[in-house]
Amino acid sequence: MSSVDDPRVFFAAERTLLAWNRTALSLMAFGFLIERFGLFLEMLGREEIKILQRHISLVIGLAFILFAACLAGYSALQHARFVKTLRAAEVPEGYDMRVGTIVNLLLAIFGALLAFYVLRGFV
């Protein structure tokens, strides 16, 4: 529990949540790029390296995507736990504190769906 009755405490926590959101989105996009770049190399590459290259990029890309989804989900839960510790004086009046948490949880769900899409396209 914080000791300052100031709404800036809550807004600092929201900025931190948004930073984790940006990090998760970046990692997810990077993982998708790695996976699709493997497909591009498969189309351009020689026959003997095609299969190995495609599998490696799939595994690494999926790892990034799933890691980002887990990161988004965990940061949402961590933020929700912190918000519960705030007193009424630290929360702006009429402000919906659930929006950031919901956005990050949706990002986690979309990340899992993206991983499923990538894996299904590979098989």
N, C-alpha and C. Protein backbone atom coordinates (compact mmCIF):
# COMPACT_ATOMS: atom_id res chain seq x y z
N MET A 1 0.84 -1.18 0.00
CA MET A 1 0.00 0.00 0.00
C MET A 1 0.88 1.23 0.00
N SER A 2 0.52 2.22 -0.78
CA SER A 2 1.30 3.44 -0.84
C SER A 2 0.93 4.36 0.33
N SER A 3 1.79 5.33 0.55
CA SER A 3 1.54 6.23 1.68
C SER A 3 1.21 7.65 1.23
N VAL A 4 1.10 7.88 -0.05
CA VAL A 4 0.82 9.21 -0.56
C VAL A 4 -0.61 9.24 -1.11
N ASP A 5 -1.41 10.18 -0.63
CA ASP A 5 -2.78 10.31 -1.13
C ASP A 5 -2.78 11.22 -2.36
N ASP A 6 -2.32 10.68 -3.46
CA ASP A 6 -2.13 11.47 -4.67
C ASP A 6 -2.49 10.62 -5.88
N PRO A 7 -3.32 11.11 -6.78
CA PRO A 7 -3.69 10.34 -7.97
C PRO A 7 -2.50 10.06 -8.89
N ARG A 8 -1.41 10.78 -8.73
CA ARG A 8 -0.25 10.53 -9.58
C ARG A 8 0.33 9.14 -9.37
N VAL A 9 0.09 8.56 -8.20
CA VAL A 9 0.54 7.19 -7.94
C VAL A 9 -0.15 6.23 -8.90
N PHE A 10 -1.46 6.40 -9.06
CA PHE A 10 -2.20 5.54 -9.98
C PHE A 10 -1.76 5.77 -11.42
N PHE A 11 -1.57 7.03 -11.80
CA PHE A 11 -1.16 7.31 -13.18
C PHE A 11 0.24 6.79 -13.47
N ALA A 12 1.11 6.78 -12.48
CA ALA A 12 2.44 6.18 -12.67
C ALA A 12 2.31 4.68 -12.92
N ALA A 13 1.41 4.04 -12.19
CA ALA A 13 1.18 2.60 -12.40
C ALA A 13 0.60 2.36 -13.79
N GLU A 14 -0.28 3.24 -14.27
CA GLU A 14 -0.84 3.09 -15.62
C GLU A 14 0.22 3.28 -16.68
N ARG A 15 1.11 4.24 -16.49
CA ARG A 15 2.21 4.43 -17.45
C ARG A 15 3.10 3.21 -17.51
N THR A 16 3.34 2.61 -16.37
CA THR A 16 4.14 1.39 -16.33
C THR A 16 3.42 0.26 -17.08
N LEU A 17 2.13 0.14 -16.88
CA LEU A 17 1.35 -0.87 -17.60
C LEU A 17 1.41 -0.63 -19.10
N LEU A 18 1.29 0.61 -19.52
CA LEU A 18 1.36 0.92 -20.94
C LEU A 18 2.76 0.63 -21.51
N ALA A 19 3.79 0.83 -20.71
CA ALA A 19 5.14 0.49 -21.17
C ALA A 19 5.26 -1.02 -21.38
N TRP A 20 4.69 -1.81 -20.49
CA TRP A 20 4.68 -3.27 -20.68
C TRP A 20 3.85 -3.65 -21.89
N ASN A 21 2.78 -2.91 -22.13
CA ASN A 21 1.94 -3.15 -23.29
C ASN A 21 2.74 -2.93 -24.57
N ARG A 22 3.46 -1.83 -24.64
CA ARG A 22 4.29 -1.54 -25.82
C ARG A 22 5.37 -2.59 -26.00
N THR A 23 5.97 -3.01 -24.90
CA THR A 23 7.00 -4.04 -24.98
C THR A 23 6.43 -5.34 -25.51
N ALA A 24 5.27 -5.74 -25.02
CA ALA A 24 4.64 -6.98 -25.48
C ALA A 24 4.28 -6.88 -26.96
N LEU A 25 3.72 -5.75 -27.38
CA LEU A 25 3.39 -5.57 -28.79
C LEU A 25 4.63 -5.65 -29.67
N SER A 26 5.71 -5.03 -29.22
CA SER A 26 6.96 -5.06 -30.00
C SER A 26 7.50 -6.47 -30.11
N LEU A 27 7.50 -7.21 -29.01
CA LEU A 27 7.99 -8.58 -29.04
C LEU A 27 7.11 -9.47 -29.92
N MET A 28 5.81 -9.24 -29.88
CA MET A 28 4.89 -10.01 -30.70
C MET A 28 5.13 -9.73 -32.18
N ALA A 29 5.29 -8.46 -32.53
CA ALA A 29 5.55 -8.10 -33.92
C ALA A 29 6.90 -8.66 -34.38
N PHE A 30 7.89 -8.61 -33.52
CA PHE A 30 9.20 -9.16 -33.86
C PHE A 30 9.13 -10.66 -34.08
N GLY A 31 8.39 -11.36 -33.24
CA GLY A 31 8.22 -12.80 -33.41
C GLY A 31 7.52 -13.14 -34.72
N PHE A 32 6.49 -12.37 -35.06
CA PHE A 32 5.79 -12.59 -36.32
C PHE A 32 6.72 -12.32 -37.50
N LEU A 33 7.53 -11.28 -37.39
CA LEU A 33 8.50 -10.96 -38.45
C LEU A 33 9.51 -12.09 -38.62
N ILE A 34 10.02 -12.62 -37.53
CA ILE A 34 10.97 -13.72 -37.61
C ILE A 34 10.34 -14.93 -38.29
N GLU A 35 9.12 -15.25 -37.90
CA GLU A 35 8.45 -16.41 -38.48
C GLU A 35 8.21 -16.21 -39.97
N ARG A 36 7.76 -15.06 -40.39
CA ARG A 36 7.49 -14.80 -41.80
C ARG A 36 8.79 -14.65 -42.61
N PHE A 37 9.84 -14.18 -41.98
CA PHE A 37 11.12 -14.07 -42.68
C PHE A 37 11.65 -15.46 -43.01
N GLY A 38 11.38 -16.44 -42.16
CA GLY A 38 11.75 -17.82 -42.46
C GLY A 38 11.03 -18.33 -43.70
N LEU A 39 9.77 -17.94 -43.86
CA LEU A 39 9.02 -18.31 -45.06
C LEU A 39 9.64 -17.65 -46.29
N PHE A 40 10.04 -16.40 -46.15
CA PHE A 40 10.69 -15.69 -47.24
C PHE A 40 12.01 -16.37 -47.62
N LEU A 41 12.80 -16.74 -46.63
CA LEU A 41 14.06 -17.42 -46.92
C LEU A 41 13.84 -18.78 -47.56
N GLU A 42 12.76 -19.44 -47.16
CA GLU A 42 12.43 -20.73 -47.77
C GLU A 42 12.15 -20.56 -49.26
N MET A 43 11.47 -19.48 -49.60
CA MET A 43 11.15 -19.25 -51.01
C MET A 43 12.39 -18.89 -51.82
N LEU A 44 13.37 -18.26 -51.20
CA LEU A 44 14.58 -17.84 -51.91
C LEU A 44 15.74 -18.82 -51.80
N GLY A 45 15.73 -19.64 -50.75
CA GLY A 45 16.90 -20.45 -50.41
C GLY A 45 17.07 -21.70 -51.25
N ARG A 46 18.20 -22.33 -51.01
CA ARG A 46 18.50 -23.61 -51.66
C ARG A 46 17.72 -24.72 -50.99
N GLU A 47 17.58 -25.82 -51.68
CA GLU A 47 16.75 -26.94 -51.22
C GLU A 47 17.26 -27.54 -49.91
N GLU A 48 18.56 -27.65 -49.74
CA GLU A 48 19.10 -28.33 -48.56
C GLU A 48 18.93 -27.55 -47.26
N ILE A 49 18.71 -26.25 -47.32
CA ILE A 49 18.53 -25.49 -46.08
C ILE A 49 17.09 -25.04 -45.87
N LYS A 50 16.22 -25.30 -46.80
CA LYS A 50 14.85 -24.82 -46.70
C LYS A 50 14.13 -25.34 -45.46
N ILE A 51 14.13 -26.64 -45.26
CA ILE A 51 13.35 -27.25 -44.19
C ILE A 51 13.86 -26.82 -42.82
N LEU A 52 15.16 -26.92 -42.63
CA LEU A 52 15.73 -26.53 -41.33
C LEU A 52 15.49 -25.06 -41.03
N GLN A 53 15.69 -24.22 -42.03
CA GLN A 53 15.52 -22.77 -41.84
C GLN A 53 14.08 -22.44 -41.44
N ARG A 54 13.14 -23.05 -42.09
CA ARG A 54 11.72 -22.78 -41.82
C ARG A 54 11.34 -23.22 -40.41
N HIS A 55 11.86 -24.36 -39.97
CA HIS A 55 11.54 -24.85 -38.62
C HIS A 55 12.15 -23.96 -37.54
N ILE A 56 13.36 -23.54 -37.77
CA ILE A 56 14.04 -22.70 -36.78
C ILE A 56 13.31 -21.36 -36.64
N SER A 57 12.96 -20.75 -37.75
CA SER A 57 12.27 -19.46 -37.67
C SER A 57 10.88 -19.62 -37.05
N LEU A 58 10.23 -20.75 -37.31
CA LEU A 58 8.92 -20.99 -36.70
C LEU A 58 9.04 -21.08 -35.18
N VAL A 59 9.98 -21.85 -34.71
CA VAL A 59 10.14 -22.04 -33.26
C VAL A 59 10.52 -20.73 -32.58
N ILE A 60 11.46 -20.01 -33.14
CA ILE A 60 11.90 -18.76 -32.52
C ILE A 60 10.79 -17.71 -32.58
N GLY A 61 10.12 -17.60 -33.72
CA GLY A 61 9.02 -16.65 -33.85
C GLY A 61 7.88 -16.95 -32.89
N LEU A 62 7.51 -18.24 -32.80
CA LEU A 62 6.45 -18.62 -31.86
C LEU A 62 6.86 -18.35 -30.41
N ALA A 63 8.12 -18.58 -30.11
CA ALA A 63 8.60 -18.31 -28.75
C ALA A 63 8.44 -16.83 -28.40
N PHE A 64 8.79 -15.95 -29.33
CA PHE A 64 8.63 -14.52 -29.09
C PHE A 64 7.15 -14.15 -28.92
N ILE A 65 6.30 -14.69 -29.79
CA ILE A 65 4.88 -14.36 -29.73
C ILE A 65 4.26 -14.84 -28.41
N LEU A 66 4.55 -16.07 -28.03
CA LEU A 66 3.99 -16.61 -26.79
C LEU A 66 4.56 -15.91 -25.56
N PHE A 67 5.85 -15.58 -25.60
CA PHE A 67 6.45 -14.83 -24.50
C PHE A 67 5.77 -13.47 -24.35
N ALA A 68 5.50 -12.81 -25.46
CA ALA A 68 4.83 -11.50 -25.42
C ALA A 68 3.42 -11.63 -24.88
N ALA A 69 2.71 -12.68 -25.27
CA ALA A 69 1.35 -12.89 -24.76
C ALA A 69 1.37 -13.12 -23.26
N CYS A 70 2.31 -13.92 -22.79
CA CYS A 70 2.43 -14.16 -21.34
C CYS A 70 2.81 -12.87 -20.61
N LEU A 71 3.69 -12.09 -21.20
CA LEU A 71 4.11 -10.82 -20.60
C LEU A 71 2.93 -9.86 -20.48
N ALA A 72 2.10 -9.79 -21.51
CA ALA A 72 0.93 -8.91 -21.47
C ALA A 72 -0.05 -9.37 -20.39
N GLY A 73 -0.29 -10.67 -20.32
CA GLY A 73 -1.20 -11.20 -19.30
C GLY A 73 -0.69 -10.98 -17.90
N TYR A 74 0.60 -11.24 -17.69
CA TYR A 74 1.17 -11.08 -16.35
C TYR A 74 1.17 -9.61 -15.93
N SER A 75 1.51 -8.72 -16.84
CA SER A 75 1.53 -7.30 -16.48
C SER A 75 0.12 -6.80 -16.15
N ALA A 76 -0.89 -7.33 -16.83
CA ALA A 76 -2.27 -6.95 -16.51
C ALA A 76 -2.65 -7.42 -15.10
N LEU A 77 -2.29 -8.64 -14.77
CA LEU A 77 -2.59 -9.15 -13.44
C LEU A 77 -1.82 -8.39 -12.35
N GLN A 78 -0.57 -8.09 -12.64
CA GLN A 78 0.25 -7.33 -11.68
C GLN A 78 -0.36 -5.94 -11.45
N HIS A 79 -0.80 -5.30 -12.51
CA HIS A 79 -1.41 -3.97 -12.39
C HIS A 79 -2.71 -4.05 -11.58
N ALA A 80 -3.52 -5.05 -11.87
CA ALA A 80 -4.79 -5.21 -11.15
C ALA A 80 -4.53 -5.41 -9.65
N ARG A 81 -3.50 -6.21 -9.33
CA ARG A 81 -3.16 -6.42 -7.91
C ARG A 81 -2.73 -5.11 -7.24
N PHE A 82 -1.95 -4.30 -7.97
CA PHE A 82 -1.48 -3.04 -7.40
C PHE A 82 -2.64 -2.07 -7.20
N VAL A 83 -3.53 -1.99 -8.17
CA VAL A 83 -4.65 -1.05 -8.09
C VAL A 83 -5.54 -1.36 -6.89
N LYS A 84 -5.64 -2.63 -6.54
CA LYS A 84 -6.46 -3.00 -5.36
C LYS A 84 -5.89 -2.43 -4.07
N THR A 85 -4.61 -2.13 -4.03
CA THR A 85 -4.00 -1.61 -2.81
C THR A 85 -4.17 -0.10 -2.66
N LEU A 86 -4.64 0.58 -3.70
CA LEU A 86 -4.77 2.03 -3.64
C LEU A 86 -5.98 2.45 -2.82
N ARG A 87 -5.84 3.58 -2.14
CA ARG A 87 -6.95 4.15 -1.40
C ARG A 87 -7.76 5.06 -2.32
N ALA A 88 -8.93 5.42 -1.88
CA ALA A 88 -9.84 6.24 -2.70
C ALA A 88 -9.21 7.59 -3.07
N ALA A 89 -8.39 8.15 -2.19
CA ALA A 89 -7.77 9.45 -2.46
C ALA A 89 -6.72 9.36 -3.57
N GLU A 90 -6.26 8.17 -3.85
CA GLU A 90 -5.22 7.99 -4.87
C GLU A 90 -5.79 7.68 -6.25
N VAL A 91 -7.09 7.55 -6.33
CA VAL A 91 -7.75 7.23 -7.60
C VAL A 91 -8.57 8.43 -8.03
N PRO A 92 -8.39 8.91 -9.27
CA PRO A 92 -9.18 10.05 -9.74
C PRO A 92 -10.68 9.72 -9.75
N GLU A 93 -11.47 10.68 -9.37
CA GLU A 93 -12.91 10.46 -9.29
C GLU A 93 -13.49 10.21 -10.68
N GLY A 94 -14.30 9.17 -10.79
CA GLY A 94 -14.96 8.84 -12.04
C GLY A 94 -14.07 8.16 -13.08
N TYR A 95 -12.86 7.79 -12.71
CA TYR A 95 -11.92 7.18 -13.65
C TYR A 95 -12.10 5.66 -13.63
N ASP A 96 -12.23 5.05 -14.80
CA ASP A 96 -12.38 3.60 -14.88
C ASP A 96 -10.99 2.97 -14.84
N MET A 97 -10.69 2.28 -13.77
CA MET A 97 -9.35 1.72 -13.58
C MET A 97 -9.16 0.39 -14.29
N ARG A 98 -10.20 -0.16 -14.88
CA ARG A 98 -10.11 -1.49 -15.49
C ARG A 98 -9.66 -1.45 -16.95
N VAL A 99 -9.67 -0.30 -17.58
CA VAL A 99 -9.43 -0.23 -19.01
C VAL A 99 -8.03 -0.75 -19.37
N GLY A 100 -7.01 -0.30 -18.69
CA GLY A 100 -5.65 -0.76 -18.98
C GLY A 100 -5.49 -2.25 -18.80
N THR A 101 -6.07 -2.77 -17.74
CA THR A 101 -6.00 -4.20 -17.48
C THR A 101 -6.71 -4.99 -18.58
N ILE A 102 -7.88 -4.53 -18.98
CA ILE A 102 -8.64 -5.21 -20.03
C ILE A 102 -7.88 -5.19 -21.35
N VAL A 103 -7.28 -4.05 -21.68
CA VAL A 103 -6.52 -3.95 -22.93
C VAL A 103 -5.35 -4.93 -22.93
N ASN A 104 -4.64 -5.03 -21.83
CA ASN A 104 -3.50 -5.96 -21.78
C ASN A 104 -3.96 -7.41 -21.81
N LEU A 105 -5.08 -7.72 -21.17
CA LEU A 105 -5.60 -9.08 -21.24
C LEU A 105 -6.04 -9.43 -22.66
N LEU A 106 -6.64 -8.47 -23.35
CA LEU A 106 -7.01 -8.69 -24.75
C LEU A 106 -5.77 -8.89 -25.62
N LEU A 107 -4.73 -8.14 -25.33
CA LEU A 107 -3.47 -8.32 -26.07
C LEU A 107 -2.92 -9.72 -25.84
N ALA A 108 -3.02 -10.23 -24.63
CA ALA A 108 -2.56 -11.59 -24.34
C ALA A 108 -3.38 -12.62 -25.12
N ILE A 109 -4.68 -12.41 -25.18
CA ILE A 109 -5.55 -13.32 -25.93
C ILE A 109 -5.24 -13.26 -27.42
N PHE A 110 -5.08 -12.06 -27.95
CA PHE A 110 -4.75 -11.92 -29.37
C PHE A 110 -3.38 -12.52 -29.69
N GLY A 111 -2.46 -12.41 -28.76
CA GLY A 111 -1.15 -13.03 -28.95
C GLY A 111 -1.25 -14.54 -29.03
N ALA A 112 -2.06 -15.13 -28.16
CA ALA A 112 -2.27 -16.57 -28.20
C ALA A 112 -2.94 -16.98 -29.51
N LEU A 113 -3.90 -16.19 -29.96
CA LEU A 113 -4.56 -16.47 -31.25
C LEU A 113 -3.59 -16.33 -32.41
N LEU A 114 -2.70 -15.35 -32.35
CA LEU A 114 -1.69 -15.18 -33.39
C LEU A 114 -0.75 -16.38 -33.43
N ALA A 115 -0.35 -16.86 -32.26
CA ALA A 115 0.51 -18.05 -32.21
C ALA A 115 -0.20 -19.25 -32.80
N PHE A 116 -1.48 -19.39 -32.50
CA PHE A 116 -2.26 -20.51 -33.07
C PHE A 116 -2.34 -20.37 -34.59
N TYR A 117 -2.58 -19.16 -35.08
CA TYR A 117 -2.65 -18.91 -36.52
C TYR A 117 -1.34 -19.25 -37.22
N VAL A 118 -0.24 -18.83 -36.63
CA VAL A 118 1.07 -19.10 -37.21
C VAL A 118 1.34 -20.61 -37.23
N LEU A 119 1.05 -21.25 -36.14
CA LEU A 119 1.29 -22.70 -36.06
C LEU A 119 0.38 -23.46 -37.01
N ARG A 120 -0.86 -23.05 -37.11
CA ARG A 120 -1.80 -23.73 -38.00
C ARG A 120 -1.41 -23.53 -39.46
N GLY A 121 -0.89 -22.37 -39.79
CA GLY A 121 -0.42 -22.11 -41.15
C GLY A 121 0.81 -22.92 -41.50
N PHE A 122 1.56 -23.31 -40.51
CA PHE A 122 2.77 -24.10 -40.76
C PHE A 122 2.44 -25.56 -41.00
N VAL A 123 1.47 -26.07 -40.27
CA VAL A 123 1.14 -27.49 -40.36
C VAL A 123 0.36 -27.80 -41.57
